Structures are given as C-alpha cells and as structure tokens.
Amino acid sequence: MRSPVVFDLDGVLVDSEPVWEEVRRAFVAEHGGTWREETQSRLMGMSTGEWSAYLAELGVRLPPEEIARGVVGQMAERYRHGVPLLPGAKEAVERLAAGRPLGLASSSPRALIDVVLEATGLGAFFGATVSTEEVAYGKPAPDGYLEAASRLGVDPSDCVAVEDSSNGLRSAHAAGMRVVAVPHPLYPPAPDALALAAGTAKTLDDLTPDLVDSLSR
C-alpha cells in the first residue's frame, strides 16, 4: 500500500482562513472585545472549545458556547453561498486518492467539515475525517492526526500529512507523520514550524504522488 495521506482542511484545501479572520474579527468587535496583533496566528489550529474560550479572553461578553454558536453559524452561512476551494484542491485530492487511503484532520467543527465535503463532492475521497471537537486537544497537540490514522487503520508513522499552519505542522510532526508544507501566502508558518516539514509544495499543483512517495519510509 502506498503511504496514506492525511490532509488538513482550512488553508490547505479551503481558503477559509481569511473568512475565519473576517468573521471572528467582526464578532469580537461587535461584542465588546479587542482583537490583538497575534490573535489570528494564535487561533489557527485551535479546536472550537479552545478558540471560543480565547475569544472570551479578548473581552467578548458572552459564554464560550454562545461565541462558538454565533461564529460557526456565520461561517456556515458564508459557505452556503459557496465554498472557497483553493486552486488545485480537488485535483490534488483526486490524484492522491488513486491507490492510497486519505484522511482529514481539521480544526473546523464537524458541522462545517460536513458542509464543505458535501458541497464540494470531496467527501467521497476520504476514508476518515476528524474534527478536533472529537479529540481531547486541538493542534498543535497530535490528537487529531493520531485519531485520523486510527480511523484509517494505519500507523501514524506510515502517513504523510499535508499542512499549512504553524500549529498544524507541529501537530502532524508530533503525531509521527512526515509532513508536506503548503504555506498560505497570507498566513505563512513560523520558521521553526516550517523546519519540521519533510517537504514543501509551493502550490497544490506541486502536491503529487511522486512527492509523497519520495517521503515514504
């Protein structure tokens, strides 16, 4: 069997980070909080429970559960008007699905993962999908990637992960996977996180079976 591949969703397949930032910035401002310079980079990779609690720390005058419902509801509404797939996302998934199992380990809530996979038709290619809502800790902890490997029935050390963010790179590396970094130009990973990657693809067009297989143990 060729190396299983576990994808991140936000920032790798879906250009959602600008949407998340816009929605959460507006929500924080509307509810009395203060967005900080480091907020977006801190939020990337957090589970729903983690980021909603963090927004409360920014001064949002609502319980974390209400924050999560409000933000996720607005994100779902945006996706209902179209999912912003990154260029080459569907083609990359289709290429890698030929002859190998695919998984998904995402920090998005399950409701949004399901909306994206159904609306884009990508759900048919993934043998296992995991939201960090379904594990104990979000990225940079390895829990989501370990759970994805478990659901696929494979060893994490046999897997290649595809990530864009600092916390995502750290998470996949901590799970024992070899990682391909596909850095987002607007939200580049920190140099120390990028150094954990075994390979880099400038765009999803560069994410080929040959690249993945070259990283296989």
N, C-alpha and C. Protein backbone atom coordinates (compact mmCIF):
# COMPACT_ATOMS: atom_id res chain seq x y z
N MET A 1 0.85 -1.20 0.00
CA MET A 1 0.00 0.00 0.00
C MET A 1 0.87 1.24 0.00
N ARG A 2 0.53 2.20 -0.82
CA ARG A 2 1.26 3.45 -0.83
C ARG A 2 0.92 4.25 0.42
N SER A 3 1.80 5.16 0.79
CA SER A 3 1.65 5.89 2.06
C SER A 3 0.29 6.58 2.14
N PRO A 4 -0.45 6.36 3.22
CA PRO A 4 -1.68 7.11 3.43
C PRO A 4 -1.36 8.60 3.58
N VAL A 5 -2.30 9.44 3.15
CA VAL A 5 -2.15 10.89 3.26
C VAL A 5 -3.29 11.44 4.10
N VAL A 6 -2.93 12.29 5.06
CA VAL A 6 -3.94 12.95 5.91
C VAL A 6 -3.85 14.45 5.66
N PHE A 7 -4.92 14.99 5.14
CA PHE A 7 -4.99 16.42 4.82
C PHE A 7 -5.51 17.23 5.99
N ASP A 8 -5.00 18.44 6.12
CA ASP A 8 -5.70 19.49 6.84
C ASP A 8 -6.77 20.04 5.91
N LEU A 9 -7.71 20.80 6.42
CA LEU A 9 -8.77 21.38 5.59
C LEU A 9 -8.57 22.88 5.39
N ASP A 10 -8.64 23.63 6.49
CA ASP A 10 -8.55 25.10 6.39
C ASP A 10 -7.15 25.53 6.00
N GLY A 11 -7.06 26.28 4.91
CA GLY A 11 -5.76 26.79 4.46
C GLY A 11 -5.03 25.85 3.53
N VAL A 12 -5.46 24.57 3.48
CA VAL A 12 -4.85 23.60 2.57
C VAL A 12 -5.79 23.33 1.39
N LEU A 13 -7.01 22.94 1.68
CA LEU A 13 -7.99 22.68 0.63
C LEU A 13 -8.98 23.83 0.46
N VAL A 14 -9.30 24.49 1.55
CA VAL A 14 -10.27 25.59 1.52
C VAL A 14 -9.57 26.87 1.94
N ASP A 15 -9.75 27.93 1.18
CA ASP A 15 -9.14 29.23 1.52
C ASP A 15 -10.01 29.92 2.55
N SER A 16 -10.09 29.29 3.71
CA SER A 16 -11.04 29.71 4.74
C SER A 16 -10.44 30.63 5.79
N GLU A 17 -9.10 30.66 5.89
CA GLU A 17 -8.52 31.49 6.95
C GLU A 17 -8.92 32.96 6.82
N PRO A 18 -8.94 33.56 5.61
CA PRO A 18 -9.43 34.94 5.54
C PRO A 18 -10.88 35.08 5.97
N VAL A 19 -11.70 34.06 5.69
CA VAL A 19 -13.11 34.11 6.09
C VAL A 19 -13.23 33.98 7.60
N TRP A 20 -12.50 33.00 8.19
CA TRP A 20 -12.49 32.87 9.65
C TRP A 20 -12.06 34.18 10.31
N GLU A 21 -10.99 34.78 9.78
CA GLU A 21 -10.49 36.01 10.41
C GLU A 21 -11.53 37.12 10.32
N GLU A 22 -12.14 37.28 9.15
CA GLU A 22 -13.13 38.34 8.97
C GLU A 22 -14.32 38.13 9.90
N VAL A 23 -14.82 36.89 9.97
CA VAL A 23 -16.00 36.61 10.79
C VAL A 23 -15.68 36.79 12.28
N ARG A 24 -14.54 36.25 12.72
CA ARG A 24 -14.23 36.33 14.15
C ARG A 24 -13.84 37.75 14.55
N ARG A 25 -13.12 38.47 13.69
CA ARG A 25 -12.81 39.88 13.99
C ARG A 25 -14.09 40.67 14.21
N ALA A 26 -15.04 40.52 13.28
CA ALA A 26 -16.29 41.27 13.38
C ALA A 26 -17.07 40.86 14.62
N PHE A 27 -17.06 39.57 14.95
CA PHE A 27 -17.78 39.09 16.12
C PHE A 27 -17.17 39.66 17.40
N VAL A 28 -15.86 39.68 17.47
CA VAL A 28 -15.17 40.23 18.64
C VAL A 28 -15.50 41.71 18.81
N ALA A 29 -15.42 42.45 17.71
CA ALA A 29 -15.70 43.88 17.77
C ALA A 29 -17.16 44.15 18.17
N GLU A 30 -18.07 43.37 17.59
CA GLU A 30 -19.50 43.57 17.85
C GLU A 30 -19.86 43.30 19.31
N HIS A 31 -19.10 42.42 19.96
CA HIS A 31 -19.46 42.01 21.32
C HIS A 31 -18.47 42.51 22.37
N GLY A 32 -17.79 43.62 22.06
CA GLY A 32 -17.04 44.32 23.08
C GLY A 32 -15.62 43.87 23.32
N GLY A 33 -15.10 42.99 22.47
CA GLY A 33 -13.74 42.51 22.65
C GLY A 33 -12.72 43.32 21.88
N THR A 34 -11.46 42.98 22.04
CA THR A 34 -10.37 43.67 21.36
C THR A 34 -9.47 42.65 20.66
N TRP A 35 -9.41 42.74 19.34
CA TRP A 35 -8.56 41.86 18.53
C TRP A 35 -7.11 42.29 18.69
N ARG A 36 -6.23 41.32 18.90
CA ARG A 36 -4.81 41.62 19.10
C ARG A 36 -4.00 41.27 17.86
N GLU A 37 -2.80 41.80 17.81
CA GLU A 37 -1.94 41.57 16.64
C GLU A 37 -1.68 40.09 16.41
N GLU A 38 -1.52 39.33 17.50
CA GLU A 38 -1.17 37.92 17.38
C GLU A 38 -2.39 37.00 17.35
N THR A 39 -3.59 37.56 17.39
CA THR A 39 -4.79 36.73 17.57
C THR A 39 -4.97 35.70 16.47
N GLN A 40 -4.88 36.11 15.20
CA GLN A 40 -5.14 35.16 14.12
C GLN A 40 -4.17 33.99 14.14
N SER A 41 -2.89 34.25 14.35
CA SER A 41 -1.92 33.16 14.37
C SER A 41 -2.15 32.26 15.57
N ARG A 42 -2.60 32.84 16.69
CA ARG A 42 -2.89 32.02 17.87
C ARG A 42 -4.09 31.10 17.61
N LEU A 43 -5.08 31.60 16.88
CA LEU A 43 -6.32 30.85 16.68
C LEU A 43 -6.16 29.69 15.72
N MET A 44 -5.23 29.78 14.79
CA MET A 44 -5.10 28.75 13.76
C MET A 44 -4.73 27.41 14.37
N GLY A 45 -5.61 26.43 14.17
CA GLY A 45 -5.38 25.09 14.70
C GLY A 45 -6.12 24.79 15.98
N MET A 46 -6.63 25.83 16.66
CA MET A 46 -7.37 25.57 17.90
C MET A 46 -8.68 24.85 17.61
N SER A 47 -9.10 24.03 18.56
CA SER A 47 -10.42 23.40 18.47
C SER A 47 -11.48 24.46 18.76
N THR A 48 -12.74 24.10 18.50
CA THR A 48 -13.84 25.04 18.72
C THR A 48 -13.89 25.50 20.18
N GLY A 49 -13.76 24.57 21.11
CA GLY A 49 -13.79 24.94 22.52
C GLY A 49 -12.65 25.85 22.91
N GLU A 50 -11.48 25.61 22.30
CA GLU A 50 -10.30 26.41 22.62
C GLU A 50 -10.42 27.82 22.07
N TRP A 51 -10.83 27.95 20.79
CA TRP A 51 -10.87 29.32 20.25
C TRP A 51 -12.03 30.14 20.80
N SER A 52 -13.14 29.49 21.12
CA SER A 52 -14.25 30.25 21.69
C SER A 52 -13.89 30.77 23.08
N ALA A 53 -13.15 29.96 23.86
CA ALA A 53 -12.67 30.42 25.17
C ALA A 53 -11.65 31.55 25.01
N TYR A 54 -10.83 31.45 23.98
CA TYR A 54 -9.83 32.51 23.74
C TYR A 54 -10.51 33.82 23.37
N LEU A 55 -11.56 33.76 22.54
CA LEU A 55 -12.27 35.00 22.19
C LEU A 55 -12.93 35.62 23.42
N ALA A 56 -13.37 34.79 24.35
CA ALA A 56 -13.91 35.32 25.61
C ALA A 56 -12.82 36.07 26.37
N GLU A 57 -11.59 35.56 26.31
CA GLU A 57 -10.47 36.24 26.98
C GLU A 57 -10.16 37.58 26.34
N LEU A 58 -10.55 37.75 25.07
CA LEU A 58 -10.34 39.03 24.39
C LEU A 58 -11.38 40.08 24.79
N GLY A 59 -12.31 39.67 25.66
CA GLY A 59 -13.30 40.62 26.16
C GLY A 59 -14.69 40.46 25.59
N VAL A 60 -14.92 39.41 24.79
CA VAL A 60 -16.27 39.17 24.27
C VAL A 60 -17.19 38.82 25.44
N ARG A 61 -18.28 39.55 25.55
CA ARG A 61 -19.15 39.43 26.72
C ARG A 61 -20.23 38.37 26.51
N LEU A 62 -19.80 37.15 26.18
CA LEU A 62 -20.69 36.01 26.01
C LEU A 62 -20.00 34.76 26.51
N PRO A 63 -20.76 33.76 26.94
CA PRO A 63 -20.13 32.48 27.29
C PRO A 63 -19.51 31.84 26.04
N PRO A 64 -18.44 31.07 26.20
CA PRO A 64 -17.79 30.44 25.04
C PRO A 64 -18.75 29.64 24.17
N GLU A 65 -19.74 28.98 24.78
CA GLU A 65 -20.68 28.18 23.98
C GLU A 65 -21.47 29.06 23.02
N GLU A 66 -21.86 30.25 23.48
CA GLU A 66 -22.61 31.17 22.62
C GLU A 66 -21.69 31.77 21.56
N ILE A 67 -20.44 32.03 21.92
CA ILE A 67 -19.48 32.52 20.95
C ILE A 67 -19.32 31.52 19.82
N ALA A 68 -19.14 30.25 20.18
CA ALA A 68 -18.96 29.21 19.17
C ALA A 68 -20.18 29.12 18.26
N ARG A 69 -21.37 29.11 18.83
CA ARG A 69 -22.58 29.01 18.02
C ARG A 69 -22.70 30.18 17.05
N GLY A 70 -22.40 31.38 17.55
CA GLY A 70 -22.53 32.56 16.71
C GLY A 70 -21.55 32.57 15.55
N VAL A 71 -20.29 32.27 15.85
CA VAL A 71 -19.26 32.30 14.81
C VAL A 71 -19.47 31.17 13.79
N VAL A 72 -19.72 29.97 14.28
CA VAL A 72 -19.91 28.83 13.37
C VAL A 72 -21.16 29.04 12.50
N GLY A 73 -22.19 29.62 13.08
CA GLY A 73 -23.39 29.92 12.29
C GLY A 73 -23.10 30.89 11.17
N GLN A 74 -22.30 31.90 11.45
CA GLN A 74 -21.94 32.85 10.40
C GLN A 74 -21.04 32.22 9.34
N MET A 75 -20.12 31.34 9.76
CA MET A 75 -19.28 30.63 8.80
C MET A 75 -20.12 29.73 7.90
N ALA A 76 -21.07 29.01 8.48
CA ALA A 76 -21.93 28.14 7.67
C ALA A 76 -22.73 28.94 6.66
N GLU A 77 -23.19 30.12 7.07
CA GLU A 77 -23.93 30.98 6.15
C GLU A 77 -23.05 31.42 4.98
N ARG A 78 -21.80 31.76 5.28
CA ARG A 78 -20.87 32.14 4.21
C ARG A 78 -20.64 30.97 3.26
N TYR A 79 -20.48 29.77 3.80
CA TYR A 79 -20.24 28.59 2.96
C TYR A 79 -21.45 28.23 2.11
N ARG A 80 -22.64 28.56 2.61
CA ARG A 80 -23.83 28.26 1.82
C ARG A 80 -23.87 29.07 0.53
N HIS A 81 -23.12 30.15 0.51
CA HIS A 81 -23.02 30.96 -0.70
C HIS A 81 -21.84 30.55 -1.56
N GLY A 82 -21.15 29.50 -1.17
CA GLY A 82 -20.02 29.00 -1.95
C GLY A 82 -18.82 28.70 -1.08
N VAL A 83 -18.23 27.52 -1.28
CA VAL A 83 -17.04 27.12 -0.53
C VAL A 83 -15.80 27.59 -1.30
N PRO A 84 -14.93 28.37 -0.68
CA PRO A 84 -13.76 28.91 -1.39
C PRO A 84 -12.62 27.91 -1.48
N LEU A 85 -12.79 26.89 -2.33
CA LEU A 85 -11.71 25.92 -2.53
C LEU A 85 -10.47 26.63 -3.08
N LEU A 86 -9.32 26.21 -2.60
CA LEU A 86 -8.07 26.74 -3.14
C LEU A 86 -7.82 26.15 -4.52
N PRO A 87 -7.12 26.89 -5.39
CA PRO A 87 -6.84 26.37 -6.73
C PRO A 87 -6.11 25.03 -6.67
N GLY A 88 -6.63 24.07 -7.43
CA GLY A 88 -6.00 22.76 -7.50
C GLY A 88 -6.36 21.82 -6.38
N ALA A 89 -7.26 22.23 -5.46
CA ALA A 89 -7.57 21.39 -4.30
C ALA A 89 -8.22 20.07 -4.70
N LYS A 90 -9.26 20.15 -5.51
CA LYS A 90 -9.96 18.92 -5.88
C LYS A 90 -9.05 18.00 -6.69
N GLU A 91 -8.27 18.58 -7.58
CA GLU A 91 -7.37 17.77 -8.40
C GLU A 91 -6.31 17.08 -7.55
N ALA A 92 -5.79 17.79 -6.54
CA ALA A 92 -4.77 17.20 -5.66
C ALA A 92 -5.34 16.02 -4.89
N VAL A 93 -6.55 16.18 -4.37
CA VAL A 93 -7.19 15.08 -3.64
C VAL A 93 -7.42 13.89 -4.56
N GLU A 94 -7.92 14.14 -5.76
CA GLU A 94 -8.18 13.06 -6.70
C GLU A 94 -6.89 12.33 -7.08
N ARG A 95 -5.79 13.09 -7.30
CA ARG A 95 -4.51 12.47 -7.65
C ARG A 95 -4.03 11.53 -6.56
N LEU A 96 -4.11 11.99 -5.32
CA LEU A 96 -3.55 11.21 -4.22
C LEU A 96 -4.48 10.09 -3.78
N ALA A 97 -5.75 10.18 -4.12
CA ALA A 97 -6.70 9.14 -3.73
C ALA A 97 -6.51 7.87 -4.55
N ALA A 98 -5.81 7.96 -5.66
CA ALA A 98 -5.61 6.80 -6.52
C ALA A 98 -4.59 5.85 -5.89
N GLY A 99 -5.08 4.76 -5.31
CA GLY A 99 -4.18 3.74 -4.79
C GLY A 99 -3.70 3.94 -3.38
N ARG A 100 -4.29 4.89 -2.65
CA ARG A 100 -3.88 5.08 -1.26
C ARG A 100 -5.07 5.63 -0.45
N PRO A 101 -5.13 5.31 0.85
CA PRO A 101 -6.20 5.86 1.69
C PRO A 101 -5.93 7.32 2.04
N LEU A 102 -7.00 8.10 2.13
CA LEU A 102 -6.90 9.51 2.51
C LEU A 102 -7.69 9.75 3.78
N GLY A 103 -7.15 10.60 4.65
CA GLY A 103 -7.85 11.04 5.84
C GLY A 103 -7.86 12.56 5.90
N LEU A 104 -8.64 13.08 6.82
CA LEU A 104 -8.74 14.52 7.03
C LEU A 104 -8.69 14.79 8.52
N ALA A 105 -7.82 15.70 8.94
CA ALA A 105 -7.73 16.09 10.36
C ALA A 105 -7.85 17.60 10.41
N SER A 106 -9.01 18.07 10.82
CA SER A 106 -9.33 19.50 10.72
C SER A 106 -9.68 20.10 12.08
N SER A 107 -9.34 21.38 12.22
CA SER A 107 -9.74 22.12 13.41
C SER A 107 -11.15 22.68 13.29
N SER A 108 -11.73 22.59 12.11
CA SER A 108 -13.10 23.07 11.94
C SER A 108 -14.08 22.20 12.71
N PRO A 109 -15.19 22.77 13.14
CA PRO A 109 -16.23 21.96 13.77
C PRO A 109 -16.81 20.98 12.76
N ARG A 110 -17.33 19.87 13.26
CA ARG A 110 -17.89 18.82 12.40
C ARG A 110 -18.93 19.38 11.44
N ALA A 111 -19.76 20.29 11.91
CA ALA A 111 -20.83 20.83 11.06
C ALA A 111 -20.25 21.48 9.81
N LEU A 112 -19.15 22.22 9.94
CA LEU A 112 -18.56 22.88 8.78
C LEU A 112 -17.81 21.90 7.90
N ILE A 113 -17.13 20.93 8.50
CA ILE A 113 -16.46 19.91 7.70
C ILE A 113 -17.47 19.23 6.79
N ASP A 114 -18.60 18.84 7.35
CA ASP A 114 -19.60 18.12 6.57
C ASP A 114 -20.18 19.00 5.46
N VAL A 115 -20.39 20.27 5.74
CA VAL A 115 -20.90 21.19 4.71
C VAL A 115 -19.91 21.27 3.55
N VAL A 116 -18.64 21.44 3.88
CA VAL A 116 -17.61 21.56 2.83
C VAL A 116 -17.51 20.28 2.00
N LEU A 117 -17.44 19.13 2.66
CA LEU A 117 -17.25 17.88 1.94
C LEU A 117 -18.46 17.54 1.06
N GLU A 118 -19.64 17.85 1.54
CA GLU A 118 -20.83 17.58 0.73
C GLU A 118 -20.95 18.56 -0.43
N ALA A 119 -20.72 19.84 -0.16
CA ALA A 119 -20.89 20.85 -1.21
C ALA A 119 -19.87 20.71 -2.33
N THR A 120 -18.66 20.25 -1.99
CA THR A 120 -17.60 20.15 -2.99
C THR A 120 -17.48 18.77 -3.62
N GLY A 121 -18.14 17.77 -3.03
CA GLY A 121 -18.01 16.42 -3.52
C GLY A 121 -16.74 15.72 -3.07
N LEU A 122 -15.95 16.36 -2.19
CA LEU A 122 -14.68 15.78 -1.76
C LEU A 122 -14.87 14.65 -0.74
N GLY A 123 -16.03 14.59 -0.12
CA GLY A 123 -16.24 13.59 0.92
C GLY A 123 -16.05 12.17 0.42
N ALA A 124 -16.30 11.93 -0.86
CA ALA A 124 -16.19 10.58 -1.41
C ALA A 124 -14.76 10.06 -1.41
N PHE A 125 -13.77 10.95 -1.29
CA PHE A 125 -12.37 10.54 -1.39
C PHE A 125 -11.74 10.20 -0.04
N PHE A 126 -12.40 10.53 1.06
CA PHE A 126 -11.78 10.39 2.38
C PHE A 126 -12.36 9.19 3.13
N GLY A 127 -11.44 8.31 3.57
CA GLY A 127 -11.86 7.16 4.34
C GLY A 127 -12.13 7.48 5.80
N ALA A 128 -11.60 8.60 6.28
CA ALA A 128 -11.81 9.01 7.67
C ALA A 128 -11.66 10.51 7.77
N THR A 129 -12.54 11.13 8.52
CA THR A 129 -12.43 12.57 8.77
C THR A 129 -12.58 12.81 10.26
N VAL A 130 -11.78 13.74 10.77
CA VAL A 130 -11.76 14.02 12.21
C VAL A 130 -11.82 15.53 12.42
N SER A 131 -12.70 15.94 13.31
CA SER A 131 -12.71 17.31 13.81
C SER A 131 -12.03 17.33 15.17
N THR A 132 -11.29 18.40 15.47
CA THR A 132 -10.67 18.45 16.79
C THR A 132 -11.71 18.60 17.90
N GLU A 133 -12.99 18.83 17.54
CA GLU A 133 -14.05 18.73 18.53
C GLU A 133 -14.16 17.30 19.08
N GLU A 134 -13.68 16.34 18.31
CA GLU A 134 -13.87 14.93 18.63
C GLU A 134 -12.68 14.31 19.36
N VAL A 135 -11.68 15.12 19.67
CA VAL A 135 -10.50 14.63 20.41
C VAL A 135 -10.26 15.56 21.60
N ALA A 136 -9.32 15.18 22.45
CA ALA A 136 -9.13 15.93 23.70
C ALA A 136 -8.52 17.31 23.47
N TYR A 137 -7.56 17.40 22.55
CA TYR A 137 -6.84 18.66 22.37
C TYR A 137 -6.69 18.99 20.89
N GLY A 138 -6.80 20.28 20.58
CA GLY A 138 -6.59 20.74 19.22
C GLY A 138 -5.12 20.88 18.88
N LYS A 139 -4.85 21.26 17.65
CA LYS A 139 -3.48 21.49 17.21
C LYS A 139 -2.90 22.66 18.02
N PRO A 140 -1.64 22.59 18.43
CA PRO A 140 -0.53 21.75 17.96
C PRO A 140 -0.42 20.37 18.60
N ALA A 141 -1.34 19.99 19.49
CA ALA A 141 -1.32 18.63 20.01
C ALA A 141 -1.57 17.65 18.86
N PRO A 142 -1.07 16.43 18.95
CA PRO A 142 -1.17 15.48 17.83
C PRO A 142 -2.49 14.73 17.76
N ASP A 143 -3.41 14.99 18.69
CA ASP A 143 -4.60 14.15 18.85
C ASP A 143 -5.39 13.93 17.56
N GLY A 144 -5.65 15.01 16.81
CA GLY A 144 -6.46 14.89 15.60
C GLY A 144 -5.82 13.99 14.56
N TYR A 145 -4.51 14.13 14.37
CA TYR A 145 -3.82 13.30 13.39
C TYR A 145 -3.73 11.85 13.85
N LEU A 146 -3.52 11.64 15.13
CA LEU A 146 -3.49 10.27 15.65
C LEU A 146 -4.85 9.60 15.48
N GLU A 147 -5.92 10.34 15.72
CA GLU A 147 -7.26 9.79 15.57
C GLU A 147 -7.56 9.48 14.10
N ALA A 148 -7.13 10.35 13.19
CA ALA A 148 -7.34 10.09 11.77
C ALA A 148 -6.65 8.81 11.34
N ALA A 149 -5.41 8.61 11.78
CA ALA A 149 -4.69 7.38 11.44
C ALA A 149 -5.40 6.17 12.03
N SER A 150 -5.87 6.30 13.27
CA SER A 150 -6.58 5.19 13.90
C SER A 150 -7.84 4.82 13.13
N ARG A 151 -8.60 5.82 12.70
CA ARG A 151 -9.83 5.54 11.96
C ARG A 151 -9.54 4.93 10.59
N LEU A 152 -8.39 5.27 10.01
CA LEU A 152 -7.99 4.67 8.74
C LEU A 152 -7.43 3.26 8.94
N GLY A 153 -7.09 2.92 10.19
CA GLY A 153 -6.50 1.63 10.47
C GLY A 153 -5.05 1.52 10.04
N VAL A 154 -4.31 2.64 10.12
CA VAL A 154 -2.91 2.65 9.70
C VAL A 154 -2.04 3.21 10.83
N ASP A 155 -0.75 2.97 10.72
CA ASP A 155 0.20 3.50 11.69
C ASP A 155 0.51 4.96 11.34
N PRO A 156 0.47 5.88 12.32
CA PRO A 156 0.79 7.28 12.01
C PRO A 156 2.15 7.45 11.34
N SER A 157 3.11 6.61 11.70
CA SER A 157 4.46 6.76 11.13
C SER A 157 4.51 6.39 9.66
N ASP A 158 3.46 5.74 9.16
CA ASP A 158 3.39 5.40 7.74
C ASP A 158 2.73 6.50 6.92
N CYS A 159 2.21 7.52 7.60
CA CYS A 159 1.40 8.54 6.94
C CYS A 159 2.20 9.78 6.56
N VAL A 160 1.72 10.45 5.53
CA VAL A 160 2.20 11.77 5.16
C VAL A 160 1.05 12.75 5.39
N ALA A 161 1.32 13.83 6.09
CA ALA A 161 0.31 14.85 6.35
C ALA A 161 0.56 16.05 5.45
N VAL A 162 -0.51 16.78 5.15
CA VAL A 162 -0.42 17.99 4.32
C VAL A 162 -0.95 19.15 5.14
N GLU A 163 -0.10 20.12 5.43
CA GLU A 163 -0.44 21.20 6.35
C GLU A 163 0.05 22.56 5.84
N ASP A 164 -0.54 23.62 6.40
CA ASP A 164 -0.12 24.97 6.03
C ASP A 164 0.29 25.82 7.22
N SER A 165 -0.31 25.58 8.39
CA SER A 165 -0.12 26.50 9.52
C SER A 165 0.95 26.00 10.48
N SER A 166 1.44 26.91 11.31
CA SER A 166 2.44 26.55 12.32
C SER A 166 1.93 25.45 13.23
N ASN A 167 0.73 25.66 13.80
CA ASN A 167 0.19 24.67 14.73
C ASN A 167 -0.11 23.36 14.04
N GLY A 168 -0.54 23.41 12.80
CA GLY A 168 -0.80 22.19 12.06
C GLY A 168 0.45 21.40 11.79
N LEU A 169 1.52 22.07 11.38
CA LEU A 169 2.80 21.41 11.14
C LEU A 169 3.30 20.76 12.42
N ARG A 170 3.19 21.47 13.51
CA ARG A 170 3.64 20.93 14.80
C ARG A 170 2.80 19.71 15.20
N SER A 171 1.51 19.78 14.94
CA SER A 171 0.60 18.70 15.30
C SER A 171 0.93 17.42 14.54
N ALA A 172 1.04 17.52 13.23
CA ALA A 172 1.31 16.35 12.40
C ALA A 172 2.68 15.76 12.71
N HIS A 173 3.66 16.62 12.92
CA HIS A 173 5.01 16.15 13.25
C HIS A 173 5.00 15.44 14.60
N ALA A 174 4.26 15.99 15.56
CA ALA A 174 4.19 15.37 16.89
C ALA A 174 3.49 14.01 16.83
N ALA A 175 2.63 13.82 15.83
CA ALA A 175 1.95 12.54 15.66
C ALA A 175 2.86 11.49 15.01
N GLY A 176 4.05 11.91 14.60
CA GLY A 176 4.99 10.98 13.99
C GLY A 176 4.86 10.86 12.49
N MET A 177 4.09 11.76 11.88
CA MET A 177 3.91 11.74 10.43
C MET A 177 4.98 12.59 9.75
N ARG A 178 5.31 12.22 8.53
CA ARG A 178 6.11 13.12 7.70
C ARG A 178 5.16 14.16 7.11
N VAL A 179 5.60 15.39 7.05
CA VAL A 179 4.69 16.48 6.71
C VAL A 179 5.14 17.20 5.45
N VAL A 180 4.18 17.42 4.55
CA VAL A 180 4.38 18.31 3.41
C VAL A 180 3.75 19.65 3.75
N ALA A 181 4.54 20.69 3.73
CA ALA A 181 4.03 22.04 3.99
C ALA A 181 3.58 22.67 2.68
N VAL A 182 2.37 23.25 2.70
CA VAL A 182 1.87 24.04 1.58
C VAL A 182 1.53 25.42 2.17
N PRO A 183 2.54 26.27 2.34
CA PRO A 183 2.32 27.53 3.07
C PRO A 183 1.33 28.44 2.38
N HIS A 184 0.42 29.01 3.17
CA HIS A 184 -0.51 30.02 2.66
C HIS A 184 0.23 31.34 2.57
N PRO A 185 0.16 32.03 1.42
CA PRO A 185 0.94 33.27 1.27
C PRO A 185 0.57 34.37 2.25
N LEU A 186 -0.69 34.40 2.70
CA LEU A 186 -1.12 35.45 3.63
C LEU A 186 -0.88 35.08 5.08
N TYR A 187 -0.75 33.77 5.36
CA TYR A 187 -0.58 33.29 6.73
C TYR A 187 0.57 32.29 6.78
N PRO A 188 1.79 32.72 6.47
CA PRO A 188 2.91 31.77 6.42
C PRO A 188 3.23 31.21 7.80
N PRO A 189 3.66 29.95 7.85
CA PRO A 189 4.02 29.36 9.14
C PRO A 189 5.31 29.96 9.69
N ALA A 190 5.49 29.85 10.99
CA ALA A 190 6.71 30.32 11.62
C ALA A 190 7.89 29.47 11.13
N PRO A 191 9.07 30.07 11.03
CA PRO A 191 10.24 29.33 10.52
C PRO A 191 10.52 28.04 11.27
N ASP A 192 10.36 28.05 12.60
CA ASP A 192 10.65 26.83 13.35
C ASP A 192 9.65 25.72 13.05
N ALA A 193 8.40 26.09 12.77
CA ALA A 193 7.39 25.10 12.40
C ALA A 193 7.64 24.58 10.99
N LEU A 194 7.97 25.48 10.09
CA LEU A 194 8.24 25.07 8.71
C LEU A 194 9.43 24.13 8.64
N ALA A 195 10.37 24.30 9.55
CA ALA A 195 11.56 23.44 9.56
C ALA A 195 11.21 21.98 9.91
N LEU A 196 10.02 21.75 10.46
CA LEU A 196 9.59 20.39 10.79
C LEU A 196 9.12 19.62 9.57
N ALA A 197 8.84 20.34 8.48
CA ALA A 197 8.32 19.69 7.28
C ALA A 197 9.40 18.87 6.59
N ALA A 198 9.00 17.70 6.10
CA ALA A 198 9.93 16.85 5.33
C ALA A 198 9.99 17.27 3.87
N GLY A 199 8.98 18.02 3.43
CA GLY A 199 8.94 18.51 2.05
C GLY A 199 8.02 19.71 1.97
N THR A 200 8.15 20.47 0.88
CA THR A 200 7.33 21.66 0.69
C THR A 200 6.76 21.67 -0.72
N ALA A 201 5.49 22.01 -0.84
CA ALA A 201 4.86 22.22 -2.13
C ALA A 201 4.46 23.68 -2.20
N LYS A 202 4.92 24.36 -3.23
CA LYS A 202 4.62 25.79 -3.34
C LYS A 202 3.13 26.01 -3.57
N THR A 203 2.53 25.14 -4.37
CA THR A 203 1.08 25.17 -4.61
C THR A 203 0.56 23.74 -4.58
N LEU A 204 -0.75 23.59 -4.61
CA LEU A 204 -1.34 22.26 -4.63
C LEU A 204 -1.03 21.52 -5.93
N ASP A 205 -0.71 22.24 -6.98
CA ASP A 205 -0.31 21.57 -8.23
C ASP A 205 0.98 20.79 -8.04
N ASP A 206 1.79 21.20 -7.07
CA ASP A 206 3.06 20.52 -6.79
C ASP A 206 2.89 19.32 -5.86
N LEU A 207 1.69 19.14 -5.34
CA LEU A 207 1.43 18.03 -4.41
C LEU A 207 1.09 16.79 -5.24
N THR A 208 2.11 16.03 -5.57
CA THR A 208 1.96 14.90 -6.48
C THR A 208 2.24 13.58 -5.76
N PRO A 209 1.78 12.48 -6.34
CA PRO A 209 2.12 11.17 -5.77
C PRO A 209 3.64 10.96 -5.68
N ASP A 210 4.37 11.45 -6.66
CA ASP A 210 5.84 11.31 -6.62
C ASP A 210 6.43 12.02 -5.41
N LEU A 211 5.93 13.23 -5.10
CA LEU A 211 6.43 13.97 -3.93
C LEU A 211 6.12 13.20 -2.67
N VAL A 212 4.89 12.72 -2.54
CA VAL A 212 4.51 11.98 -1.34
C VAL A 212 5.34 10.71 -1.21
N ASP A 213 5.48 9.99 -2.30
CA ASP A 213 6.22 8.72 -2.24
C ASP A 213 7.70 8.95 -1.94
N SER A 214 8.22 10.10 -2.32
CA SER A 214 9.64 10.38 -2.03
C SER A 214 9.89 10.56 -0.54
N LEU A 215 8.83 10.80 0.22
CA LEU A 215 8.96 10.99 1.66
C LEU A 215 8.66 9.72 2.44
N SER A 216 8.25 8.68 1.72
CA SER A 216 7.85 7.44 2.40
C SER A 216 9.05 6.77 3.04
N ARG A 217 8.79 6.18 4.22
CA ARG A 217 9.86 5.48 4.93
C ARG A 217 10.03 4.09 4.36
